Amino acid sequence: MRELVCIVCPNGCTLSVDEQTLAVTGNKCRKGVDFAVAELTCPTRTICSTVKTVFPEAPVLPVRVSKEIPKDKIFDVMAEINKVILDKRLSRGETVIGNVLGLGADVIATSSVLVKKS
């Protein structure tokens, strides 16, 4: 048995999961079952970070991945993010790294701090 705390909804249910059968107990809604099964079979996470820029007024730009990625790829994606030094001005939502590591997720800007205001 493995215990997890569901993070999908505000209930925060304490889940017990049989690792052999993936039977879940302790959930108050179906989301808990889906969360527990995904967490044990293919856990995913999101990443929020920053990339360096060449602009002195904003030496870093906040970024995030556009969708959750496999948990075991976090450090690989972070290595790609850490290689970036932006030399063009981007707006919030624009792609910094497209399809990072072939995972189907883009690294996108989460701020328009680099956009020149007229």
PDB file of N, CA and C in Angstrom:
ATOM      1  N   MET A   1       0.843  -1.194   0.000  1.00  0.00           N
ATOM      2  CA  MET A   1       0.000   0.000   0.000  1.00  0.00           C
ATOM      3  C   MET A   1       0.880   1.247   0.000  1.00  0.00           C
ATOM      4  N   ARG A   2       0.432   2.234  -0.708  1.00  0.00           N
ATOM      5  CA  ARG A   2       1.133   3.512  -0.742  1.00  0.00           C
ATOM      6  C   ARG A   2       0.131   4.602  -0.434  1.00  0.00           C
ATOM      7  N   GLU A   3       0.557   5.578   0.361  1.00  0.00           N
ATOM      8  CA  GLU A   3      -0.322   6.705   0.682  1.00  0.00           C
ATOM      9  C   GLU A   3       0.088   7.932  -0.110  1.00  0.00           C
ATOM     10  N   LEU A   4      -0.913   8.634  -0.619  1.00  0.00           N
ATOM     11  CA  LEU A   4      -0.728   9.876  -1.363  1.00  0.00           C
ATOM     12  C   LEU A   4      -1.747  10.885  -0.869  1.00  0.00           C
ATOM     13  N   VAL A   5      -1.427  12.153  -1.026  1.00  0.00           N
ATOM     14  CA  VAL A   5      -2.405  13.207  -0.785  1.00  0.00           C
ATOM     15  C   VAL A   5      -2.778  13.776  -2.145  1.00  0.00           C
ATOM     16  N   CYS A   6      -4.036  13.706  -2.469  1.00  0.00           N
ATOM     17  CA  CYS A   6      -4.510  14.200  -3.764  1.00  0.00           C
ATOM     18  C   CYS A   6      -4.399  15.720  -3.811  1.00  0.00           C
ATOM     19  N   ILE A   7      -3.887  16.227  -4.933  1.00  0.00           N
ATOM     20  CA  ILE A   7      -3.700  17.672  -5.101  1.00  0.00           C
ATOM     21  C   ILE A   7      -4.589  18.247  -6.206  1.00  0.00           C
ATOM     22  N   VAL A   8      -5.536  17.449  -6.684  1.00  0.00           N
ATOM     23  CA  VAL A   8      -6.346  17.869  -7.821  1.00  0.00           C
ATOM     24  C   VAL A   8      -7.457  18.842  -7.441  1.00  0.00           C
ATOM     25  N   CYS A   9      -8.115  18.600  -6.328  1.00  0.00           N
ATOM     26  CA  CYS A   9      -9.204  19.495  -5.915  1.00  0.00           C
ATOM     27  C   CYS A   9      -8.971  19.944  -4.472  1.00  0.00           C
ATOM     28  N   PRO A  10      -9.756  20.847  -3.975  1.00  0.00           N
ATOM     29  CA  PRO A  10      -9.536  21.386  -2.621  1.00  0.00           C
ATOM     30  C   PRO A  10      -9.731  20.389  -1.476  1.00  0.00           C
ATOM     31  N   ASN A  11     -10.303  19.217  -1.720  1.00  0.00           N
ATOM     32  CA  ASN A  11     -10.527  18.255  -0.641  1.00  0.00           C
ATOM     33  C   ASN A  11      -9.230  17.757  -0.011  1.00  0.00           C
ATOM     34  N   GLY A  12      -8.163  17.604  -0.807  1.00  0.00           N
ATOM     35  CA  GLY A  12      -6.895  17.119  -0.272  1.00  0.00           C
ATOM     36  C   GLY A  12      -7.011  15.746   0.359  1.00  0.00           C
ATOM     37  N   CYS A  13      -7.689  14.852  -0.285  1.00  0.00           N
ATOM     38  CA  CYS A  13      -7.928  13.511   0.266  1.00  0.00           C
ATOM     39  C   CYS A  13      -6.627  12.743   0.478  1.00  0.00           C
ATOM     40  N   THR A  14      -6.586  11.992   1.578  1.00  0.00           N
ATOM     41  CA  THR A  14      -5.494  11.056   1.807  1.00  0.00           C
ATOM     42  C   THR A  14      -5.889   9.745   1.144  1.00  0.00           C
ATOM     43  N   LEU A  15      -5.120   9.352   0.141  1.00  0.00           N
ATOM     44  CA  LEU A  15      -5.443   8.181  -0.655  1.00  0.00           C
ATOM     45  C   LEU A  15      -4.549   7.010  -0.269  1.00  0.00           C
ATOM     46  N   SER A  16      -5.122   5.833  -0.242  1.00  0.00           N
ATOM     47  CA  SER A  16      -4.358   4.599  -0.087  1.00  0.00           C
ATOM     48  C   SER A  16      -4.455   3.861  -1.412  1.00  0.00           C
ATOM     49  N   VAL A  17      -3.304   3.454  -1.936  1.00  0.00           N
ATOM     50  CA  VAL A  17      -3.276   2.817  -3.245  1.00  0.00           C
ATOM     51  C   VAL A  17      -2.575   1.467  -3.142  1.00  0.00           C
ATOM     52  N   ASP A  18      -3.241   0.434  -3.592  1.00  0.00           N
ATOM     53  CA  ASP A  18      -2.612  -0.878  -3.701  1.00  0.00           C
ATOM     54  C   ASP A  18      -1.757  -0.841  -4.958  1.00  0.00           C
ATOM     55  N   GLU A  19      -0.446  -0.924  -4.796  1.00  0.00           N
ATOM     56  CA  GLU A  19       0.458  -0.779  -5.937  1.00  0.00           C
ATOM     57  C   GLU A  19       0.363  -1.927  -6.931  1.00  0.00           C
ATOM     58  N   GLN A  20      -0.165  -3.068  -6.524  1.00  0.00           N
ATOM     59  CA  GLN A  20      -0.301  -4.213  -7.429  1.00  0.00           C
ATOM     60  C   GLN A  20      -1.528  -4.068  -8.327  1.00  0.00           C
ATOM     61  N   THR A  21      -2.656  -3.698  -7.719  1.00  0.00           N
ATOM     62  CA  THR A  21      -3.914  -3.651  -8.471  1.00  0.00           C
ATOM     63  C   THR A  21      -4.328  -2.226  -8.854  1.00  0.00           C
ATOM     64  N   LEU A  22      -3.658  -1.227  -8.283  1.00  0.00           N
ATOM     65  CA  LEU A  22      -3.991   0.184  -8.470  1.00  0.00           C
ATOM     66  C   LEU A  22      -5.384   0.523  -7.944  1.00  0.00           C
ATOM     67  N   ALA A  23      -5.840  -0.252  -6.960  1.00  0.00           N
ATOM     68  CA  ALA A  23      -7.113   0.044  -6.299  1.00  0.00           C
ATOM     69  C   ALA A  23      -6.893   1.207  -5.341  1.00  0.00           C
ATOM     70  N   VAL A  24      -7.771   2.212  -5.429  1.00  0.00           N
ATOM     71  CA  VAL A  24      -7.626   3.442  -4.649  1.00  0.00           C
ATOM     72  C   VAL A  24      -8.773   3.561  -3.659  1.00  0.00           C
ATOM     73  N   THR A  25      -8.435   3.903  -2.416  1.00  0.00           N
ATOM     74  CA  THR A  25      -9.453   4.185  -1.412  1.00  0.00           C
ATOM     75  C   THR A  25      -9.121   5.512  -0.748  1.00  0.00           C
ATOM     76  N   GLY A  26     -10.136   6.102  -0.118  1.00  0.00           N
ATOM     77  CA  GLY A  26      -9.952   7.369   0.587  1.00  0.00           C
ATOM     78  C   GLY A  26     -10.330   8.581  -0.236  1.00  0.00           C
ATOM     79  N   ASN A  27     -10.653   8.389  -1.496  1.00  0.00           N
ATOM     80  CA  ASN A  27     -11.014   9.513  -2.368  1.00  0.00           C
ATOM     81  C   ASN A  27     -12.470   9.911  -2.172  1.00  0.00           C
ATOM     82  N   LYS A  28     -12.725  11.224  -2.248  1.00  0.00           N
ATOM     83  CA  LYS A  28     -14.094  11.727  -2.160  1.00  0.00           C
ATOM     84  C   LYS A  28     -14.701  11.960  -3.540  1.00  0.00           C
ATOM     85  N   CYS A  29     -13.846  11.922  -4.582  1.00  0.00           N
ATOM     86  CA  CYS A  29     -14.349  12.101  -5.944  1.00  0.00           C
ATOM     87  C   CYS A  29     -13.500  11.269  -6.910  1.00  0.00           C
ATOM     88  N   ARG A  30     -13.961  11.150  -8.120  1.00  0.00           N
ATOM     89  CA  ARG A  30     -13.284  10.353  -9.158  1.00  0.00           C
ATOM     90  C   ARG A  30     -11.890  10.910  -9.477  1.00  0.00           C
ATOM     91  N   LYS A  31     -11.712  12.203  -9.301  1.00  0.00           N
ATOM     92  CA  LYS A  31     -10.423  12.815  -9.603  1.00  0.00           C
ATOM     93  C   LYS A  31      -9.301  12.195  -8.777  1.00  0.00           C
ATOM     94  N   GLY A  32      -9.610  11.785  -7.565  1.00  0.00           N
ATOM     95  CA  GLY A  32      -8.615  11.168  -6.702  1.00  0.00           C
ATOM     96  C   GLY A  32      -8.098   9.859  -7.265  1.00  0.00           C
ATOM     97  N   VAL A  33      -8.994   9.075  -7.830  1.00  0.00           N
ATOM     98  CA  VAL A  33      -8.600   7.805  -8.443  1.00  0.00           C
ATOM     99  C   VAL A  33      -7.695   8.077  -9.645  1.00  0.00           C
ATOM    100  N   ASP A  34      -8.125   8.994 -10.505  1.00  0.00           N
ATOM    101  CA  ASP A  34      -7.332   9.318 -11.690  1.00  0.00           C
ATOM    102  C   ASP A  34      -5.950   9.841 -11.301  1.00  0.00           C
ATOM    103  N   PHE A  35      -5.904  10.723 -10.301  1.00  0.00           N
ATOM    104  CA  PHE A  35      -4.638  11.277  -9.833  1.00  0.00           C
ATOM    105  C   PHE A  35      -3.712  10.170  -9.329  1.00  0.00           C
ATOM    106  N   ALA A  36      -4.222   9.285  -8.476  1.00  0.00           N
ATOM    107  CA  ALA A  36      -3.394   8.235  -7.880  1.00  0.00           C
ATOM    108  C   ALA A  36      -2.846   7.276  -8.933  1.00  0.00           C
ATOM    109  N   VAL A  37      -3.683   6.877  -9.863  1.00  0.00           N
ATOM    110  CA  VAL A  37      -3.241   5.954 -10.917  1.00  0.00           C
ATOM    111  C   VAL A  37      -2.166   6.623 -11.776  1.00  0.00           C
ATOM    112  N   ALA A  38      -2.389   7.869 -12.161  1.00  0.00           N
ATOM    113  CA  ALA A  38      -1.394   8.584 -12.967  1.00  0.00           C
ATOM    114  C   ALA A  38      -0.089   8.773 -12.189  1.00  0.00           C
ATOM    115  N   GLU A  39      -0.194   9.080 -10.922  1.00  0.00           N
ATOM    116  CA  GLU A  39       0.994   9.309 -10.098  1.00  0.00           C
ATOM    117  C   GLU A  39       1.841   8.044  -9.974  1.00  0.00           C
ATOM    118  N   LEU A  40       1.207   6.899  -9.952  1.00  0.00           N
ATOM    119  CA  LEU A  40       1.955   5.647  -9.829  1.00  0.00           C
ATOM    120  C   LEU A  40       2.395   5.060 -11.165  1.00  0.00           C
ATOM    121  N   THR A  41       1.712   5.399 -12.242  1.00  0.00           N
ATOM    122  CA  THR A  41       2.057   4.807 -13.538  1.00  0.00           C
ATOM    123  C   THR A  41       2.876   5.731 -14.428  1.00  0.00           C
ATOM    124  N   CYS A  42       2.596   7.020 -14.404  1.00  0.00           N
ATOM    125  CA  CYS A  42       3.320   7.977 -15.248  1.00  0.00           C
ATOM    126  C   CYS A  42       3.199   9.372 -14.632  1.00  0.00           C
ATOM    127  N   PRO A  43       3.956   9.635 -13.567  1.00  0.00           N
ATOM    128  CA  PRO A  43       3.833  10.940 -12.904  1.00  0.00           C
ATOM    129  C   PRO A  43       4.311  12.082 -13.802  1.00  0.00           C
ATOM    130  N   THR A  44       3.578  13.176 -13.751  1.00  0.00           N
ATOM    131  CA  THR A  44       3.945  14.362 -14.535  1.00  0.00           C
ATOM    132  C   THR A  44       4.015  15.572 -13.619  1.00  0.00           C
ATOM    133  N   ARG A  45       4.730  16.571 -14.073  1.00  0.00           N
ATOM    134  CA  ARG A  45       4.883  17.809 -13.324  1.00  0.00           C
ATOM    135  C   ARG A  45       4.949  18.980 -14.296  1.00  0.00           C
ATOM    136  N   THR A  46       4.795  20.176 -13.758  1.00  0.00           N
ATOM    137  CA  THR A  46       4.987  21.394 -14.525  1.00  0.00           C
ATOM    138  C   THR A  46       6.275  22.052 -14.041  1.00  0.00           C
ATOM    139  N   ILE A  47       6.845  22.894 -14.856  1.00  0.00           N
ATOM    140  CA  ILE A  47       8.067  23.607 -14.485  1.00  0.00           C
ATOM    141  C   ILE A  47       7.829  25.094 -14.673  1.00  0.00           C
ATOM    142  N   CYS A  48       8.212  25.872 -13.679  1.00  0.00           N
ATOM    143  CA  CYS A  48       8.283  27.325 -13.787  1.00  0.00           C
ATOM    144  C   CYS A  48       9.723  27.701 -13.471  1.00  0.00           C
ATOM    145  N   SER A  49      10.311  28.553 -14.286  1.00  0.00           N
ATOM    146  CA  SER A  49      11.712  28.915 -14.091  1.00  0.00           C
ATOM    147  C   SER A  49      11.958  30.288 -14.714  1.00  0.00           C
ATOM    148  N   THR A  50      13.217  30.596 -14.971  1.00  0.00           N
ATOM    149  CA  THR A  50      13.588  31.821 -15.675  1.00  0.00           C
ATOM    150  C   THR A  50      14.667  31.490 -16.696  1.00  0.00           C
ATOM    151  N   VAL A  51      14.745  32.320 -17.725  1.00  0.00           N
ATOM    152  CA  VAL A  51      15.841  32.237 -18.691  1.00  0.00           C
ATOM    153  C   VAL A  51      16.605  33.560 -18.667  1.00  0.00           C
ATOM    154  N   LYS A  52      17.880  33.487 -18.956  1.00  0.00           N
ATOM    155  CA  LYS A  52      18.713  34.688 -19.010  1.00  0.00           C
ATOM    156  C   LYS A  52      18.385  35.477 -20.269  1.00  0.00           C
ATOM    157  N   THR A  53      18.602  36.790 -20.183  1.00  0.00           N
ATOM    158  CA  THR A  53      18.437  37.655 -21.352  1.00  0.00           C
ATOM    159  C   THR A  53      19.675  38.534 -21.487  1.00  0.00           C
ATOM    160  N   VAL A  54      19.784  39.214 -22.626  1.00  0.00           N
ATOM    161  CA  VAL A  54      20.876  40.165 -22.844  1.00  0.00           C
ATOM    162  C   VAL A  54      20.455  41.590 -22.486  1.00  0.00           C
ATOM    163  N   PHE A  55      19.255  41.754 -21.937  1.00  0.00           N
ATOM    164  CA  PHE A  55      18.709  43.076 -21.675  1.00  0.00           C
ATOM    165  C   PHE A  55      18.947  43.484 -20.222  1.00  0.00           C
ATOM    166  N   PRO A  56      19.715  44.559 -19.997  1.00  0.00           N
ATOM    167  CA  PRO A  56      20.036  44.948 -18.620  1.00  0.00           C
ATOM    168  C   PRO A  56      18.812  45.326 -17.779  1.00  0.00           C
ATOM    169  N   GLU A  57      17.748  45.810 -18.416  1.00  0.00           N
ATOM    170  CA  GLU A  57      16.556  46.194 -17.653  1.00  0.00           C
ATOM    171  C   GLU A  57      15.746  44.968 -17.197  1.00  0.00           C
ATOM    172  N   ALA A  58      16.023  43.831 -17.790  1.00  0.00           N
ATOM    173  CA  ALA A  58      15.357  42.578 -17.404  1.00  0.00           C
ATOM    174  C   ALA A  58      16.343  41.428 -17.656  1.00  0.00           C
ATOM    175  N   PRO A  59      17.249  41.191 -16.724  1.00  0.00           N
ATOM    176  CA  PRO A  59      18.281  40.172 -16.949  1.00  0.00           C
ATOM    177  C   PRO A  59      17.756  38.736 -16.997  1.00  0.00           C
ATOM    178  N   VAL A  60      16.544  38.525 -16.497  1.00  0.00           N
ATOM    179  CA  VAL A  60      15.901  37.212 -16.616  1.00  0.00           C
ATOM    180  C   VAL A  60      14.442  37.391 -17.000  1.00  0.00           C
ATOM    181  N   LEU A  61      13.899  36.362 -17.651  1.00  0.00           N
ATOM    182  CA  LEU A  61      12.495  36.356 -18.051  1.00  0.00           C
ATOM    183  C   LEU A  61      11.842  35.107 -17.478  1.00  0.00           C
ATOM    184  N   PRO A  62      10.716  35.243 -16.771  1.00  0.00           N
ATOM    185  CA  PRO A  62      10.047  34.057 -16.251  1.00  0.00           C
ATOM    186  C   PRO A  62       9.427  33.228 -17.386  1.00  0.00           C
ATOM    187  N   VAL A  63       9.533  31.904 -17.237  1.00  0.00           N
ATOM    188  CA  VAL A  63       9.003  30.975 -18.235  1.00  0.00           C
ATOM    189  C   VAL A  63       8.331  29.805 -17.528  1.00  0.00           C
ATOM    190  N   ARG A  64       7.569  29.037 -18.300  1.00  0.00           N
ATOM    191  CA  ARG A  64       6.980  27.792 -17.798  1.00  0.00           C
ATOM    192  C   ARG A  64       6.787  26.864 -18.987  1.00  0.00           C
ATOM    193  N   VAL A  65       6.534  25.592 -18.691  1.00  0.00           N
ATOM    194  CA  VAL A  65       6.195  24.670 -19.767  1.00  0.00           C
ATOM    195  C   VAL A  65       4.702  24.790 -20.051  1.00  0.00           C
ATOM    196  N   SER A  66       4.337  24.565 -21.298  1.00  0.00           N
ATOM    197  CA  SER A  66       2.948  24.767 -21.724  1.00  0.00           C
ATOM    198  C   SER A  66       2.023  23.647 -21.281  1.00  0.00           C
ATOM    199  N   LYS A  67       2.591  22.509 -20.897  1.00  0.00           N
ATOM    200  CA  LYS A  67       1.793  21.411 -20.363  1.00  0.00           C
ATOM    201  C   LYS A  67       2.703  20.572 -19.480  1.00  0.00           C
ATOM    202  N   GLU A  68       2.100  19.719 -18.677  1.00  0.00           N
ATOM    203  CA  GLU A  68       2.892  18.888 -17.785  1.00  0.00           C
ATOM    204  C   GLU A  68       3.789  17.951 -18.583  1.00  0.00           C
ATOM    205  N   ILE A  69       4.954  17.664 -18.004  1.00  0.00           N
ATOM    206  CA  ILE A  69       5.929  16.774 -18.633  1.00  0.00           C
ATOM    207  C   ILE A  69       6.190  15.596 -17.704  1.00  0.00           C
ATOM    208  N   PRO A  70       6.737  14.504 -18.234  1.00  0.00           N
ATOM    209  CA  PRO A  70       7.066  13.381 -17.352  1.00  0.00           C
ATOM    210  C   PRO A  70       8.046  13.820 -16.255  1.00  0.00           C
ATOM    211  N   LYS A  71       7.776  13.360 -15.051  1.00  0.00           N
ATOM    212  CA  LYS A  71       8.577  13.753 -13.898  1.00  0.00           C
ATOM    213  C   LYS A  71      10.058  13.423 -14.092  1.00  0.00           C
ATOM    214  N   ASP A  72      10.347  12.315 -14.752  1.00  0.00           N
ATOM    215  CA  ASP A  72      11.746  11.924 -14.922  1.00  0.00           C
ATOM    216  C   ASP A  72      12.486  12.769 -15.966  1.00  0.00           C
ATOM    217  N   LYS A  73      11.796  13.705 -16.612  1.00  0.00           N
ATOM    218  CA  LYS A  73      12.426  14.590 -17.604  1.00  0.00           C
ATOM    219  C   LYS A  73      12.665  16.002 -17.070  1.00  0.00           C
ATOM    220  N   ILE A  74      12.318  16.263 -15.814  1.00  0.00           N
ATOM    221  CA  ILE A  74      12.450  17.616 -15.261  1.00  0.00           C
ATOM    222  C   ILE A  74      13.871  18.141 -15.378  1.00  0.00           C
ATOM    223  N   PHE A  75      14.846  17.369 -14.943  1.00  0.00           N
ATOM    224  CA  PHE A  75      16.227  17.856 -14.963  1.00  0.00           C
ATOM    225  C   PHE A  75      16.745  18.042 -16.383  1.00  0.00           C
ATOM    226  N   ASP A  76      16.298  17.197 -17.319  1.00  0.00           N
ATOM    227  CA  ASP A  76      16.689  17.348 -18.720  1.00  0.00           C
ATOM    228  C   ASP A  76      16.107  18.636 -19.313  1.00  0.00           C
ATOM    229  N   VAL A  77      14.844  18.907 -19.006  1.00  0.00           N
ATOM    230  CA  VAL A  77      14.215  20.135 -19.493  1.00  0.00           C
ATOM    231  C   VAL A  77      14.883  21.357 -18.859  1.00  0.00           C
ATOM    232  N   MET A  78      15.168  21.275 -17.572  1.00  0.00           N
ATOM    233  CA  MET A  78      15.860  22.396 -16.911  1.00  0.00           C
ATOM    234  C   MET A  78      17.231  22.653 -17.538  1.00  0.00           C
ATOM    235  N   ALA A  79      17.925  21.614 -17.935  1.00  0.00           N
ATOM    236  CA  ALA A  79      19.222  21.792 -18.600  1.00  0.00           C
ATOM    237  C   ALA A  79      19.047  22.570 -19.905  1.00  0.00           C
ATOM    238  N   GLU A  80      17.969  22.284 -20.643  1.00  0.00           N
ATOM    239  CA  GLU A  80      17.696  23.023 -21.882  1.00  0.00           C
ATOM    240  C   GLU A  80      17.335  24.475 -21.588  1.00  0.00           C
ATOM    241  N   ILE A  81      16.523  24.690 -20.573  1.00  0.00           N
ATOM    242  CA  ILE A  81      16.147  26.052 -20.181  1.00  0.00           C
ATOM    243  C   ILE A  81      17.388  26.847 -19.783  1.00  0.00           C
ATOM    244  N   ASN A  82      18.296  26.223 -19.053  1.00  0.00           N
ATOM    245  CA  ASN A  82      19.495  26.915 -18.585  1.00  0.00           C
ATOM    246  C   ASN A  82      20.468  27.271 -19.700  1.00  0.00           C
ATOM    247  N   LYS A  83      20.332  26.667 -20.873  1.00  0.00           N
ATOM    248  CA  LYS A  83      21.188  26.984 -22.026  1.00  0.00           C
ATOM    249  C   LYS A  83      20.761  28.278 -22.725  1.00  0.00           C
ATOM    250  N   VAL A  84      19.540  28.703 -22.501  1.00  0.00           N
ATOM    251  CA  VAL A  84      18.961  29.826 -23.249  1.00  0.00           C
ATOM    252  C   VAL A  84      19.475  31.171 -22.728  1.00  0.00           C
ATOM    253  N   ILE A  85      19.855  32.028 -23.673  1.00  0.00           N
ATOM    254  CA  ILE A  85      20.101  33.444 -23.393  1.00  0.00           C
ATOM    255  C   ILE A  85      19.325  34.211 -24.462  1.00  0.00           C
ATOM    256  N   LEU A  86      18.215  34.803 -24.056  1.00  0.00           N
ATOM    257  CA  LEU A  86      17.335  35.497 -25.001  1.00  0.00           C
ATOM    258  C   LEU A  86      17.980  36.784 -25.495  1.00  0.00           C
ATOM    259  N   ASP A  87      17.951  36.959 -26.823  1.00  0.00           N
ATOM    260  CA  ASP A  87      18.440  38.201 -27.409  1.00  0.00           C
ATOM    261  C   ASP A  87      17.356  38.894 -28.238  1.00  0.00           C
ATOM    262  N   LYS A  88      16.113  38.430 -28.060  1.00  0.00           N
ATOM    263  CA  LYS A  88      14.980  39.106 -28.709  1.00  0.00           C
ATOM    264  C   LYS A  88      13.890  39.318 -27.674  1.00  0.00           C
ATOM    265  N   ARG A  89      13.096  40.325 -27.898  1.00  0.00           N
ATOM    266  CA  ARG A  89      12.044  40.681 -26.959  1.00  0.00           C
ATOM    267  C   ARG A  89      10.800  39.833 -27.236  1.00  0.00           C
ATOM    268  N   LEU A  90      10.292  39.210 -26.199  1.00  0.00           N
ATOM    269  CA  LEU A  90       9.122  38.357 -26.315  1.00  0.00           C
ATOM    270  C   LEU A  90       8.000  38.866 -25.427  1.00  0.00           C
ATOM    271  N   SER A  91       6.781  38.577 -25.833  1.00  0.00           N
ATOM    272  CA  SER A  91       5.602  38.877 -25.026  1.00  0.00           C
ATOM    273  C   SER A  91       5.167  37.626 -24.292  1.00  0.00           C
ATOM    274  N   ARG A  92       4.344  37.823 -23.276  1.00  0.00           N
ATOM    275  CA  ARG A  92       3.797  36.700 -22.534  1.00  0.00           C
ATOM    276  C   ARG A  92       3.104  35.743 -23.486  1.00  0.00           C
ATOM    277  N   GLY A  93       3.362  34.446 -23.315  1.00  0.00           N
ATOM    278  CA  GLY A  93       2.748  33.422 -24.145  1.00  0.00           C
ATOM    279  C   GLY A  93       3.564  33.017 -25.352  1.00  0.00           C
ATOM    280  N   GLU A  94       4.576  33.813 -25.699  1.00  0.00           N
ATOM    281  CA  GLU A  94       5.408  33.467 -26.851  1.00  0.00           C
ATOM    282  C   GLU A  94       6.371  32.336 -26.494  1.00  0.00           C
ATOM    283  N   THR A  95       6.713  31.556 -27.507  1.00  0.00           N
ATOM    284  CA  THR A  95       7.559  30.379 -27.317  1.00  0.00           C
ATOM    285  C   THR A  95       9.026  30.766 -27.188  1.00  0.00           C
ATOM    286  N   VAL A  96       9.652  30.231 -26.148  1.00  0.00           N
ATOM    287  CA  VAL A  96      11.093  30.386 -25.936  1.00  0.00           C
ATOM    288  C   VAL A  96      11.818  29.161 -26.491  1.00  0.00           C
ATOM    289  N   ILE A  97      11.314  27.968 -26.192  1.00  0.00           N
ATOM    290  CA  ILE A  97      11.822  26.711 -26.749  1.00  0.00           C
ATOM    291  C   ILE A  97      10.618  25.907 -27.213  1.00  0.00           C
ATOM    292  N   GLY A  98      10.556  25.626 -28.494  1.00  0.00           N
ATOM    293  CA  GLY A  98       9.455  24.839 -29.030  1.00  0.00           C
ATOM    294  C   GLY A  98       9.690  23.350 -28.846  1.00  0.00           C
ATOM    295  N   ASN A  99       8.644  22.627 -28.497  1.00  0.00           N
ATOM    296  CA  ASN A  99       8.676  21.169 -28.371  1.00  0.00           C
ATOM    297  C   ASN A  99       9.957  20.696 -27.670  1.00  0.00           C
ATOM    298  N   VAL A 100      10.171  21.185 -26.487  1.00  0.00           N
ATOM    299  CA  VAL A 100      11.406  20.894 -25.751  1.00  0.00           C
ATOM    300  C   VAL A 100      11.604  19.383 -25.608  1.00  0.00           C
ATOM    301  N   LEU A 101      12.749  18.925 -26.039  1.00  0.00           N
ATOM    302  CA  LEU A 101      13.147  17.508 -25.977  1.00  0.00           C
ATOM    303  C   LEU A 101      12.138  16.564 -26.637  1.00  0.00           C
ATOM    304  N   GLY A 102      11.339  17.081 -27.557  1.00  0.00           N
ATOM    305  CA  GLY A 102      10.355  16.240 -28.241  1.00  0.00           C
ATOM    306  C   GLY A 102       9.223  15.776 -27.354  1.00  0.00           C
ATOM    307  N   LEU A 103       8.981  16.472 -26.245  1.00  0.00           N
ATOM    308  CA  LEU A 103       7.957  16.070 -25.281  1.00  0.00           C
ATOM    309  C   LEU A 103       6.571  16.615 -25.604  1.00  0.00           C
ATOM    310  N   GLY A 104       6.468  17.424 -26.667  1.00  0.00           N
ATOM    311  CA  GLY A 104       5.177  17.996 -27.012  1.00  0.00           C
ATOM    312  C   GLY A 104       4.803  19.206 -26.171  1.00  0.00           C
ATOM    313  N   ALA A 105       5.746  19.700 -25.388  1.00  0.00           N
ATOM    314  CA  ALA A 105       5.521  20.887 -24.553  1.00  0.00           C
ATOM    315  C   ALA A 105       6.482  21.984 -24.999  1.00  0.00           C
ATOM    316  N   ASP A 106       5.983  23.200 -25.014  1.00  0.00           N
ATOM    317  CA  ASP A 106       6.832  24.355 -25.303  1.00  0.00           C
ATOM    318  C   ASP A 106       7.217  25.023 -23.992  1.00  0.00           C
ATOM    319  N   VAL A 107       8.369  25.669 -23.992  1.00  0.00           N
ATOM    320  CA  VAL A 107       8.728  26.556 -22.891  1.00  0.00           C
ATOM    321  C   VAL A 107       8.285  27.935 -23.347  1.00  0.00           C
ATOM    322  N   ILE A 108       7.397  28.571 -22.570  1.00  0.00           N
ATOM    323  CA  ILE A 108       6.817  29.845 -22.985  1.00  0.00           C
ATOM    324  C   ILE A 108       7.090  30.942 -21.962  1.00  0.00           C
ATOM    325  N   ALA A 109       7.130  32.173 -22.460  1.00  0.00           N
ATOM    326  CA  ALA A 109       7.309  33.341 -21.594  1.00  0.00           C
ATOM    327  C   ALA A 109       6.041  33.561 -20.778  1.00  0.00           C
ATOM    328  N   THR A 110       6.215  33.941 -19.513  1.00  0.00           N
ATOM    329  CA  THR A 110       5.041  34.211 -18.674  1.00  0.00           C
ATOM    330  C   THR A 110       4.950  35.680 -18.293  1.00  0.00           C
ATOM    331  N   SER A 111       5.738  36.515 -18.961  1.00  0.00           N
ATOM    332  CA  SER A 111       5.729  37.943 -18.680  1.00  0.00           C
ATOM    333  C   SER A 111       6.023  38.705 -19.966  1.00  0.00           C
ATOM    334  N   SER A 112       5.543  39.909 -20.037  1.00  0.00           N
ATOM    335  CA  SER A 112       5.845  40.790 -21.164  1.00  0.00           C
ATOM    336  C   SER A 112       6.848  41.864 -20.767  1.00  0.00           C
ATOM    337  N   VAL A 113       7.657  41.596 -19.761  1.00  0.00           N
ATOM    338  CA  VAL A 113       8.593  42.576 -19.235  1.00  0.00           C
ATOM    339  C   VAL A 113       9.599  43.055 -20.293  1.00  0.00           C
ATOM    340  N   LEU A 114       9.862  42.245 -21.288  1.00  0.00           N
ATOM    341  CA  LEU A 114      10.830  42.623 -22.324  1.00  0.00           C
ATOM    342  C   LEU A 114      10.239  43.456 -23.458  1.00  0.00           C
ATOM    343  N   VAL A 115       8.921  43.578 -23.502  1.00  0.00           N
ATOM    344  CA  VAL A 115       8.279  44.308 -24.588  1.00  0.00           C
ATOM    345  C   VAL A 115       8.443  45.802 -24.349  1.00  0.00           C
ATOM    346  N   LYS A 116       8.949  46.482 -25.370  1.00  0.00           N
ATOM    347  CA  LYS A 116       9.125  47.941 -25.280  1.00  0.00           C
ATOM    348  C   LYS A 116       7.758  48.592 -25.309  1.00  0.00           C
ATOM    349  N   LYS A 117       7.572  49.505 -24.361  1.00  0.00           N
ATOM    350  CA  LYS A 117       6.318  50.253 -24.320  1.00  0.00           C
ATOM    351  C   LYS A 117       6.507  51.549 -25.088  1.00  0.00           C
ATOM    352  N   SER A 118       5.529  51.853 -25.924  1.00  0.00           N
ATOM    353  CA  SER A 118       5.656  53.060 -26.727  1.00  0.00           C
ATOM    354  C   SER A 118       4.956  54.239 -26.121  1.00  0.00           C
TER     355      SER A 118
END
